[in-house]
Amino acid sequence: MKTVTIEELDDKTGQWLRQAVRHEQVIVTDHGRPIAEVSAYPGQGVTPGGGRGFRNRALLPEYEAIMNRPVGGTDSTEIIGQDREDRL
């Protein structure tokens, strides 16, 4: 269990929230007195075996549909070059 001051939580909220999800509870203190506890949402914490199951994730159907589409379009250097020519 980690302990963090309210000021530290304010400065680095995201870091401490990710810490709670990855490992454990985070206790927030104000002038040395515990005032809050941050923990992972049920089902979002560490899984048995050490990870959150990223490799076993399911893709959203919308993402899966576009995942293998060819990527194309105009190269950014061409766009910038054309823009510069138009300004001259």
Protein backbone atom coordinates (compact mmCIF):
# COMPACT_ATOMS: atom_id res chain seq x y z
CA MET A 1 0.00 0.00 0.00
CA LYS A 2 1.31 3.45 -0.98
CA THR A 3 0.69 6.70 0.86
CA VAL A 4 0.60 10.04 -0.91
CA THR A 5 -0.15 13.56 0.26
CA ILE A 6 -3.06 15.48 -1.18
CA GLU A 7 -0.56 17.85 -2.82
CA GLU A 8 1.29 14.96 -4.51
CA LEU A 9 -2.03 13.57 -5.71
CA ASP A 10 -2.93 16.97 -7.12
CA ASP A 11 0.42 17.27 -8.93
CA LYS A 12 0.49 13.77 -10.42
CA THR A 13 -3.09 12.45 -10.37
CA GLY A 14 -2.70 10.21 -13.42
CA GLN A 15 0.45 8.59 -12.08
CA TRP A 16 -1.17 7.71 -8.77
CA LEU A 17 -4.36 6.42 -10.38
CA ARG A 18 -2.34 4.14 -12.67
CA GLN A 19 -0.37 2.99 -9.61
CA ALA A 20 -3.62 2.02 -7.90
CA VAL A 21 -4.77 0.05 -10.95
CA ARG A 22 -1.43 -1.71 -11.44
CA HIS A 23 -0.58 -2.68 -7.93
CA GLU A 24 -2.56 -1.70 -4.94
CA GLN A 25 -4.46 0.86 -2.97
CA VAL A 26 -3.15 4.38 -2.58
CA ILE A 27 -3.95 6.19 0.66
CA VAL A 28 -4.26 9.98 0.41
CA THR A 29 -3.27 12.02 3.45
CA ASP A 30 -3.85 15.62 4.49
CA HIS A 31 -1.38 16.88 7.09
CA GLY A 32 -0.46 13.28 7.91
CA ARG A 33 -4.04 12.12 8.44
CA PRO A 34 -5.56 9.57 6.00
CA ILE A 35 -8.54 11.11 4.22
CA ALA A 36 -9.14 8.94 1.15
CA GLU A 37 -8.31 5.65 -0.49
CA VAL A 38 -7.79 5.18 -4.22
CA SER A 39 -8.17 1.67 -5.60
CA ALA A 40 -8.86 0.01 -8.94
CA TYR A 41 -12.40 -0.23 -10.24
CA PRO A 42 -13.61 -3.83 -9.79
CA GLY A 43 -12.28 -6.00 -12.59
CA GLN A 44 -9.67 -3.45 -13.69
CA GLY A 45 -6.86 -4.27 -11.29
CA VAL A 46 -4.04 -6.77 -11.40
CA THR A 47 -5.03 -10.24 -12.56
CA PRO A 48 -3.62 -13.43 -11.08
CA GLY A 49 -0.35 -14.04 -12.86
CA GLY A 50 0.80 -10.45 -12.76
CA GLY A 51 -0.77 -8.46 -15.58
CA ARG A 52 -4.04 -6.83 -16.50
CA GLY A 53 -4.58 -9.21 -19.39
CA PHE A 54 -3.61 -6.81 -22.19
CA ARG A 55 -2.57 -9.62 -24.47
CA ASN A 56 -5.94 -11.30 -23.95
CA ARG A 57 -7.98 -8.20 -24.70
CA ALA A 58 -10.90 -8.21 -27.10
CA LEU A 59 -10.89 -5.61 -29.85
CA LEU A 60 -13.93 -3.43 -30.32
CA PRO A 61 -15.82 -4.47 -33.46
CA GLU A 62 -15.49 -0.94 -34.89
CA TYR A 63 -11.71 -1.01 -34.53
CA GLU A 64 -11.39 -4.54 -35.84
CA ALA A 65 -13.31 -3.50 -38.98
CA ILE A 66 -10.83 -0.73 -39.84
CA MET A 67 -7.69 -2.31 -38.45
CA ASN A 68 -6.48 -3.88 -41.70
CA ARG A 69 -7.46 -1.10 -44.09
CA PRO A 70 -4.61 0.14 -46.23
CA VAL A 71 -3.16 3.44 -45.09
CA GLY A 72 -2.60 5.99 -47.78
CA GLY A 73 -2.94 9.58 -48.75
CA THR A 74 -0.66 12.41 -49.67
CA ASP A 75 2.79 12.54 -48.15
CA SER A 76 3.09 15.48 -45.74
CA THR A 77 6.27 16.71 -47.46
CA GLU A 78 4.29 17.11 -50.69
CA ILE A 79 1.60 19.10 -48.91
CA ILE A 80 4.15 21.39 -47.25
CA GLY A 81 6.08 21.83 -50.51
CA GLN A 82 2.90 22.74 -52.40
CA ASP A 83 1.94 25.20 -49.66
CA ARG A 84 5.34 26.89 -49.92
CA GLU A 85 5.10 27.13 -53.72
CA ASP A 86 1.64 28.68 -53.46
CA ARG A 87 2.98 31.39 -51.16
CA LEU A 88 5.73 32.46 -53.58
